[in-house]
Each structure stands twice: as structure tokens, then as C-alpha cells.
Amino acid sequence: MTANSLEKHILSIVCSVFDAYSAVLFLPDEEGEAHYLSAAFSLGDKISPDVSILPGRGLVGWIIRNRQPLLVPNFDQRQSNLGYYADGEEASIKAFMGCPVPTGGALCVDSKRQYSFSDKDHKILQLFAELISRQQGSRGRQELAGDIPRYFAELGVIQDLRFRYKRWPQFLQNYLRTMADATGFDYCAFASVDAPGETYCVECESARLLLMDGEPLILPMGSGITGWVFRNDQPVVAEGVEGAPASVLFGKLPDMPDFQAAMCMPVMVNKSTRGVLCLAHTSPRQIDESMRSFVRQAVDHLALFLENLYLKTRLRTMLPKAQVHSDGPQAYDPDTAPMPPRKEL
């Protein structure tokens, strides 16, 4: 499969995932000024094959110049344009969404139906953009195209968990099992921290290794890779090599396997690391960009659940202390209203 046909195959998957009319990929030319249409997939045949777009020109150019995602749920051709259609086809487009490609360019989708795309779709589209960027850096890696639909399906499963399980313990247990199955890692665990952050605890794991009695395991903040992630707010990804020292997730603990590969990702809530998602494998393994992107997206879902849980807890705490000042709108009656105090002369 050539590079261009691989890109077109990825765009066909993008179109299917978002139920879009067209998906287009613009990449920078050699000079880096204009961006040419590298690949496209459309349900019609009106995309101009040799089109190029300058930064700032139209919606695609805005994404390229600002390197920011853009969502237009109700596209108005009088306000802007797309620039990649011919023969008046653009007039039938009602919705548009695009995001920057990390190595340069833009990945965009459109639809003939208004409000076809939502805010949550941006992160999924960005996942595709990151995979295309990876493919640009390693031409001919056909396995990436096979990973895309599988990881997207797993993200759908994880999103459903947020609606199926309202209680944190049930959600977390199913989340960890799904992550282990999706990535093929032997072990997945979640650790959390409370203020003031002197210790953290292993709350839940996909396979019973540490929590035999079901109680959380409290550990010093300096213990293992997980403690380092808590202290530095940065992920750790270790693919491992044969004969190398084991990756120590939680410090030196008895009866823990010698994990070789590991991913430890911070879970941010209110702009601080309140949890760490840990994935580990007993043998070295390659952790490519497609898996890294999937795990980042999955961690975002976990953080969203925790943020909602935090808000619910705050509301439960604040509502009993709230005072009701009015039972509803009240008519103003000047005859019964209290008179303002008279000013002394």
C-alpha cells in the first residue's frame, strides 16, 4: 500500500466514524507556505484534486495558521469558505470540523447535515490526526491503519462505561479491565492521592496482585514510578529491553512480577495530578504512537468521570448550607413595600 493510498484508507475510516460526507487531509509543501490536498475521501466526486490552501484562507487555512481545532456546527458560506470543492458542491455543506496535524497541515471532515459534529468529537479527530502524523514520520507503516478502528471501538466502550456505571468503584473496575484488554498489557491499576499529597494509594487493579483483601494500599509519595509521576505531573513510558532491570511501579513490594514495559499516565483534575493510570507488561513490547494516543484519550475519559464526581461531592456539601431567599418571582406592591430610610437634611 502506497503512502497516499494508506492516507486515503485512513480518511475512509474517519468518514465512517463520524458519518461524514467528506474527509480531507492538507499537508505543507516543501517551502511550507501553501498546503496541498494530500488525500481525500468523499461520498461525492466534487473535491478538487489539485487544490492548495494558504494559511489563514478559509476555515482550513484558519486551522493551519492558528494550529487550533475548529468546529462549525451550522456552516454559513456567506461568512467563510472551505476551498476544496468544485462545481458549487460547497453550497450543500452544513457542518464542518477540523484539527491541526502535529507535523503540519489539517485534517477536516464535513457533512450535509447541520450539527453533525459535537465538542467531544474533537478529541477523537485529534487522535486520527496524531496517527496520520506518525504515519508521515514512518512511511509505509500499514499496521497503523488497522489499529485505528480497533482503538476507536474501545474508546466507544469506555465512553459507555461512564453512562452505565454511576458509582465510582464499579466504573473503575470495569475501566481497568477494558484498558488491559484494549492494550494487551498484563496489568492495569489506578492510584490516587489526597491533599496534602504525602502519600498515595493503589485503589483498584485489573488483576489481584496487591489488594487481596480489597482494601486500598497506602504508599509513600516517593515510591516507584507512580510516585514520580505524582510529583512531576509527567507521564512515563518504558518499552523495556531483554535483561534490563524491572520497571518498579509502586516501589519494592513482595510478590510483584518483574514488569519490563510500563505506561504511567497522570490523571489531571482541576489542573493537578489527582491520579495515575498504570499499565504494565511482563515482557518488553513496542508502544507505538497509536497506542499512546489511545491511552491519552482514555485517560481523558477517566479524568472527566472524576471531575463530575468531584462536582457532585461539592454540591452535596454545599446544598445543606444554602439559604433559600425566594420561593419564586414576587410582584412589587408600592403600598406594602418597606419605605427606604429618609435622609437627614
Foldseek 3Di string as FASTA:
>chain_A
DFQLVLVQLLQVVVCVVLVFQKKWWWFADPVRFKTFTSYMDGPDDFFDRTDIHGQPAFPQNVCQNVQAKDWDQADDVVVTFDGGGPDPPRVQWGIKIKGAQPVGTIIITTHSDGRSDDPLVNLLRNLSSPLSNQCVVPPPPNVSSVLSVLLVVLLVVLLVLVVVDLDDVVSVQVLQLSLCVSVVFPKKWKKFADPPGQWIWTQDMNDDQPCPVNDIHIAGLPFFPQSVCQVPVAKDWFQFDPPDFARGHGHDDPRDARWGTKIWHFQDEPRHGGMIMITTHNHGDDCDSSNVSSVVSSSPSVSVSVNVVVVVVVCVVCVVVDDDPDPDDDDDDVVPDDDDDDDDD
